[in-house]
Structure formats: structure tokens, C-alpha cells
Amino acid sequence: MADFSKITGTNFAQELNKQTPAATTNDSSAGGGFDNVLKDALTKVNNIQKEADKAIDDLASGGDINNAVLAMEKADMSFQIMQEVRNKLLSAYEEVMRMQV
């Protein structure tokens, strides 16, 4: 998978790699965990999408086209990254389900 963080400026990959020691344990009450990482990532992607919507609205009212295009590209790239993460997770799940016990 390509590193889109330099293009989008979101440092998405770095944020996913930053894990607290509590996040590596199986205790979900510690505030960390895989589900919280995914929720945080989805929240960030959603915020980027909202920023793009706002930039488009600003463009419609006479705003800067460069800001709108950059915001749209940033939103598109972050969405593509999350979609690829989803595809990888689904592929891993399907592989586990095919295993014989």
C-alpha cells in the first residue's frame, strides 16, 4: 500500500501506528484497543470529509478554488485509504474463516 500521508498531509499512517502501551493489551476498558483505533480513524476521515464539504460551500460563495481542490483530494485519498484498510480486514477475516480447526 502506498504512503498517501505525504500527499494528504493527514499523517494517517503515522496516527494508526501510534499505539499506547495500553492499546496492545487485550483489556478494552483501558481505553486502547483495535476497536478504538478504528473508531478514531473513521472519525478523522469523517472530519476530513466535512472539511471538504465546507471548502466546496466556500467555493460556491466565492472562495478559493485551490483550497477546495486540495480539500477534495485530501478527502478522496483518506477515503481510499480507509477503504483499502476495510478490504484488507475483510480479506483477513475471510482467511480466518476458511481455516480448519
N, C-alpha and C. Protein backbone atom coordinates (compact mmCIF):
# COMPACT_ATOMS: atom_id res chain seq x y z
N MET A 1 0.85 -1.17 0.00
CA MET A 1 0.00 0.00 0.00
C MET A 1 0.89 1.23 0.00
N ALA A 2 0.54 2.20 -0.81
CA ALA A 2 1.33 3.42 -0.94
C ALA A 2 1.14 4.31 0.27
N ASP A 3 2.13 5.13 0.52
CA ASP A 3 2.07 6.07 1.64
C ASP A 3 1.46 7.37 1.13
N PHE A 4 0.18 7.59 1.42
CA PHE A 4 -0.52 8.78 0.97
C PHE A 4 -0.42 9.92 1.97
N SER A 5 0.20 9.71 3.12
CA SER A 5 0.22 10.74 4.15
C SER A 5 0.99 11.98 3.70
N LYS A 6 1.98 11.81 2.82
CA LYS A 6 2.72 12.97 2.34
C LYS A 6 1.86 13.81 1.41
N ILE A 7 0.98 13.16 0.68
CA ILE A 7 0.12 13.87 -0.26
C ILE A 7 -1.02 14.56 0.48
N THR A 8 -1.66 13.84 1.38
CA THR A 8 -2.83 14.39 2.03
C THR A 8 -2.49 15.28 3.22
N GLY A 9 -1.31 15.09 3.79
CA GLY A 9 -0.93 15.89 4.95
C GLY A 9 -1.62 15.43 6.23
N THR A 10 -2.29 14.28 6.20
CA THR A 10 -3.03 13.84 7.37
C THR A 10 -2.19 13.01 8.33
N ASN A 11 -1.07 12.51 7.83
CA ASN A 11 -0.24 11.60 8.63
C ASN A 11 -1.08 10.44 9.14
N PHE A 12 -1.97 9.96 8.29
CA PHE A 12 -2.90 8.89 8.65
C PHE A 12 -2.17 7.63 9.08
N ALA A 13 -1.17 7.24 8.30
CA ALA A 13 -0.43 6.02 8.63
C ALA A 13 0.30 6.17 9.96
N GLN A 14 0.84 7.33 10.22
CA GLN A 14 1.54 7.55 11.48
C GLN A 14 0.57 7.50 12.65
N GLU A 15 -0.63 8.04 12.47
CA GLU A 15 -1.62 8.00 13.54
C GLU A 15 -2.04 6.57 13.85
N LEU A 16 -2.16 5.74 12.82
CA LEU A 16 -2.52 4.35 13.06
C LEU A 16 -1.39 3.58 13.73
N ASN A 17 -0.15 3.99 13.45
CA ASN A 17 0.98 3.29 14.05
C ASN A 17 1.25 3.72 15.48
N LYS A 18 0.77 4.89 15.87
CA LYS A 18 0.97 5.35 17.25
C LYS A 18 0.05 4.58 18.16
N GLN A 19 0.61 3.76 18.99
CA GLN A 19 -0.17 2.97 19.91
C GLN A 19 0.35 3.20 21.32
N THR A 20 -0.54 3.36 22.24
CA THR A 20 -0.14 3.43 23.63
C THR A 20 0.09 2.02 24.14
N PRO A 21 0.88 1.85 25.18
CA PRO A 21 1.09 0.50 25.71
C PRO A 21 -0.22 -0.17 26.12
N ALA A 22 -1.21 0.61 26.56
CA ALA A 22 -2.49 0.01 26.95
C ALA A 22 -3.23 -0.53 25.74
N ALA A 23 -2.96 0.01 24.57
CA ALA A 23 -3.68 -0.42 23.37
C ALA A 23 -3.21 -1.79 22.89
N THR A 24 -2.07 -2.23 23.34
CA THR A 24 -1.56 -3.53 22.90
C THR A 24 -2.05 -4.66 23.78
N THR A 25 -2.72 -4.36 24.86
CA THR A 25 -3.25 -5.40 25.72
C THR A 25 -4.64 -5.79 25.27
N ASN A 26 -5.17 -6.87 25.82
CA ASN A 26 -6.50 -7.33 25.48
C ASN A 26 -7.58 -6.65 26.30
N ASP A 27 -7.22 -5.78 27.21
CA ASP A 27 -8.17 -5.11 28.08
C ASP A 27 -8.77 -3.91 27.34
N SER A 28 -10.02 -4.05 26.87
CA SER A 28 -10.65 -2.97 26.13
C SER A 28 -11.08 -1.83 27.04
N SER A 29 -11.13 -2.05 28.36
CA SER A 29 -11.52 -0.99 29.28
C SER A 29 -10.37 -0.01 29.52
N ALA A 30 -9.17 -0.31 29.04
CA ALA A 30 -8.02 0.56 29.24
C ALA A 30 -8.05 1.76 28.32
N GLY A 31 -9.02 1.84 27.42
CA GLY A 31 -9.12 2.98 26.52
C GLY A 31 -8.45 2.74 25.19
N GLY A 32 -7.64 1.73 25.07
CA GLY A 32 -6.99 1.42 23.81
C GLY A 32 -7.67 0.23 23.18
N GLY A 33 -7.09 -0.25 22.15
CA GLY A 33 -7.62 -1.43 21.50
C GLY A 33 -7.91 -1.17 20.05
N PHE A 34 -8.08 -2.27 19.36
CA PHE A 34 -8.29 -2.22 17.93
C PHE A 34 -9.56 -1.47 17.57
N ASP A 35 -10.63 -1.71 18.31
CA ASP A 35 -11.89 -1.04 18.00
C ASP A 35 -11.78 0.47 18.17
N ASN A 36 -11.05 0.92 19.18
CA ASN A 36 -10.88 2.36 19.39
C ASN A 36 -10.01 2.98 18.31
N VAL A 37 -9.01 2.25 17.84
CA VAL A 37 -8.17 2.76 16.75
C VAL A 37 -9.00 2.94 15.49
N LEU A 38 -9.86 1.96 15.21
CA LEU A 38 -10.72 2.07 14.03
C LEU A 38 -11.73 3.21 14.17
N LYS A 39 -12.31 3.35 15.35
CA LYS A 39 -13.26 4.45 15.58
C LYS A 39 -12.58 5.80 15.40
N ASP A 40 -11.37 5.94 15.93
CA ASP A 40 -10.63 7.19 15.78
C ASP A 40 -10.31 7.47 14.32
N ALA A 41 -9.90 6.45 13.60
CA ALA A 41 -9.57 6.62 12.19
C ALA A 41 -10.81 7.01 11.39
N LEU A 42 -11.92 6.37 11.66
CA LEU A 42 -13.17 6.72 10.97
C LEU A 42 -13.61 8.13 11.30
N THR A 43 -13.43 8.54 12.54
CA THR A 43 -13.78 9.90 12.93
C THR A 43 -12.91 10.92 12.19
N LYS A 44 -11.62 10.62 12.06
CA LYS A 44 -10.73 11.53 11.34
C LYS A 44 -11.10 11.63 9.86
N VAL A 45 -11.43 10.49 9.26
CA VAL A 45 -11.83 10.51 7.85
C VAL A 45 -13.13 11.30 7.70
N ASN A 46 -14.05 11.12 8.62
CA ASN A 46 -15.31 11.86 8.58
C ASN A 46 -15.06 13.37 8.71
N ASN A 47 -14.16 13.75 9.60
CA ASN A 47 -13.84 15.18 9.75
C ASN A 47 -13.21 15.75 8.49
N ILE A 48 -12.37 14.99 7.84
CA ILE A 48 -11.76 15.43 6.59
C ILE A 48 -12.83 15.60 5.51
N GLN A 49 -13.80 14.68 5.48
CA GLN A 49 -14.89 14.79 4.52
C GLN A 49 -15.72 16.06 4.78
N LYS A 50 -15.96 16.36 6.05
CA LYS A 50 -16.71 17.57 6.40
C LYS A 50 -15.95 18.83 6.01
N GLU A 51 -14.62 18.80 6.19
CA GLU A 51 -13.80 19.95 5.77
C GLU A 51 -13.90 20.16 4.26
N ALA A 52 -13.93 19.08 3.51
CA ALA A 52 -14.06 19.18 2.05
C ALA A 52 -15.42 19.76 1.68
N ASP A 53 -16.47 19.32 2.37
CA ASP A 53 -17.79 19.88 2.12
C ASP A 53 -17.83 21.37 2.40
N LYS A 54 -17.19 21.77 3.48
CA LYS A 54 -17.14 23.20 3.83
C LYS A 54 -16.36 23.98 2.78
N ALA A 55 -15.26 23.42 2.29
CA ALA A 55 -14.46 24.09 1.26
C ALA A 55 -15.27 24.24 -0.03
N ILE A 56 -16.08 23.25 -0.36
CA ILE A 56 -16.93 23.34 -1.55
C ILE A 56 -17.98 24.43 -1.37
N ASP A 57 -18.57 24.48 -0.17
CA ASP A 57 -19.55 25.54 0.11
C ASP A 57 -18.90 26.92 0.03
N ASP A 58 -17.67 27.03 0.54
CA ASP A 58 -16.95 28.30 0.46
C ASP A 58 -16.66 28.68 -0.98
N LEU A 59 -16.32 27.68 -1.79
CA LEU A 59 -16.06 27.93 -3.21
C LEU A 59 -17.31 28.45 -3.91
N ALA A 60 -18.46 27.89 -3.56
CA ALA A 60 -19.72 28.31 -4.17
C ALA A 60 -20.05 29.76 -3.82
N SER A 61 -19.54 30.22 -2.70
CA SER A 61 -19.80 31.61 -2.30
C SER A 61 -18.62 32.53 -2.60
N GLY A 62 -17.76 32.10 -3.55
CA GLY A 62 -16.66 32.96 -3.99
C GLY A 62 -15.33 32.67 -3.33
N GLY A 63 -15.16 31.50 -2.75
CA GLY A 63 -13.91 31.16 -2.08
C GLY A 63 -12.82 30.76 -3.06
N ASP A 64 -11.70 30.35 -2.52
CA ASP A 64 -10.53 29.99 -3.31
C ASP A 64 -10.67 28.59 -3.88
N ILE A 65 -10.47 28.45 -5.17
CA ILE A 65 -10.60 27.14 -5.83
C ILE A 65 -9.48 26.20 -5.42
N ASN A 66 -8.30 26.75 -5.13
CA ASN A 66 -7.18 25.88 -4.72
C ASN A 66 -7.48 25.17 -3.41
N ASN A 67 -8.06 25.89 -2.46
CA ASN A 67 -8.41 25.27 -1.18
C ASN A 67 -9.46 24.18 -1.37
N ALA A 68 -10.41 24.43 -2.25
CA ALA A 68 -11.47 23.44 -2.49
C ALA A 68 -10.91 22.18 -3.13
N VAL A 69 -10.05 22.36 -4.12
CA VAL A 69 -9.47 21.19 -4.80
C VAL A 69 -8.59 20.40 -3.84
N LEU A 70 -7.78 21.08 -3.06
CA LEU A 70 -6.92 20.39 -2.10
C LEU A 70 -7.74 19.64 -1.05
N ALA A 71 -8.79 20.26 -0.57
CA ALA A 71 -9.64 19.61 0.44
C ALA A 71 -10.33 18.39 -0.15
N MET A 72 -10.78 18.50 -1.41
CA MET A 72 -11.43 17.36 -2.05
C MET A 72 -10.45 16.22 -2.27
N GLU A 73 -9.24 16.52 -2.70
CA GLU A 73 -8.23 15.47 -2.91
C GLU A 73 -7.84 14.82 -1.59
N LYS A 74 -7.71 15.62 -0.56
CA LYS A 74 -7.37 15.10 0.77
C LYS A 74 -8.47 14.15 1.24
N ALA A 75 -9.72 14.54 1.05
CA ALA A 75 -10.85 13.70 1.45
C ALA A 75 -10.88 12.42 0.62
N ASP A 76 -10.62 12.54 -0.66
CA ASP A 76 -10.63 11.36 -1.53
C ASP A 76 -9.55 10.37 -1.14
N MET A 77 -8.36 10.88 -0.89
CA MET A 77 -7.25 9.99 -0.53
C MET A 77 -7.48 9.33 0.82
N SER A 78 -7.97 10.06 1.79
CA SER A 78 -8.23 9.46 3.10
C SER A 78 -9.32 8.40 3.00
N PHE A 79 -10.33 8.66 2.17
CA PHE A 79 -11.39 7.67 1.97
C PHE A 79 -10.84 6.42 1.29
N GLN A 80 -9.99 6.60 0.31
CA GLN A 80 -9.39 5.45 -0.37
C GLN A 80 -8.54 4.61 0.59
N ILE A 81 -7.82 5.27 1.47
CA ILE A 81 -7.01 4.55 2.45
C ILE A 81 -7.91 3.74 3.38
N MET A 82 -8.98 4.36 3.88
CA MET A 82 -9.88 3.63 4.77
C MET A 82 -10.57 2.48 4.03
N GLN A 83 -10.88 2.67 2.79
CA GLN A 83 -11.49 1.60 2.00
C GLN A 83 -10.51 0.43 1.83
N GLU A 84 -9.25 0.75 1.61
CA GLU A 84 -8.25 -0.30 1.47
C GLU A 84 -8.03 -1.03 2.80
N VAL A 85 -8.06 -0.31 3.90
CA VAL A 85 -7.96 -0.95 5.22
C VAL A 85 -9.13 -1.90 5.42
N ARG A 86 -10.33 -1.45 5.06
CA ARG A 86 -11.52 -2.30 5.16
C ARG A 86 -11.35 -3.56 4.31
N ASN A 87 -10.86 -3.39 3.10
CA ASN A 87 -10.67 -4.55 2.22
C ASN A 87 -9.67 -5.54 2.81
N LYS A 88 -8.60 -5.03 3.39
CA LYS A 88 -7.60 -5.91 4.00
C LYS A 88 -8.18 -6.64 5.21
N LEU A 89 -8.96 -5.93 6.02
CA LEU A 89 -9.58 -6.57 7.18
C LEU A 89 -10.57 -7.64 6.76
N LEU A 90 -11.35 -7.35 5.75
CA LEU A 90 -12.31 -8.32 5.25
C LEU A 90 -11.60 -9.55 4.68
N SER A 91 -10.52 -9.32 3.98
CA SER A 91 -9.73 -10.42 3.43
C SER A 91 -9.15 -11.29 4.55
N ALA A 92 -8.64 -10.65 5.59
CA ALA A 92 -8.09 -11.39 6.72
C ALA A 92 -9.18 -12.19 7.44
N TYR A 93 -10.35 -11.59 7.60
CA TYR A 93 -11.47 -12.28 8.23
C TYR A 93 -11.88 -13.51 7.42
N GLU A 94 -11.98 -13.35 6.11
CA GLU A 94 -12.35 -14.47 5.25
C GLU A 94 -11.31 -15.58 5.32
N GLU A 95 -10.05 -15.20 5.40
CA GLU A 95 -8.98 -16.20 5.51
C GLU A 95 -9.08 -16.98 6.81
N VAL A 96 -9.37 -16.29 7.89
CA VAL A 96 -9.52 -16.95 9.19
C VAL A 96 -10.73 -17.88 9.17
N MET A 97 -11.80 -17.45 8.53
CA MET A 97 -13.00 -18.28 8.48
C MET A 97 -12.78 -19.53 7.63
N ARG A 98 -11.84 -19.51 6.69
CA ARG A 98 -11.55 -20.69 5.86
C ARG A 98 -10.66 -21.70 6.58
N MET A 99 -10.03 -21.28 7.67
CA MET A 99 -9.14 -22.18 8.40
C MET A 99 -9.94 -23.32 9.04
N GLN A 100 -9.34 -24.49 9.00
CA GLN A 100 -9.98 -25.63 9.65
C GLN A 100 -9.39 -25.79 11.04
N VAL A 101 -10.27 -26.07 11.96
CA VAL A 101 -9.84 -26.20 13.35
C VAL A 101 -9.70 -27.63 13.74
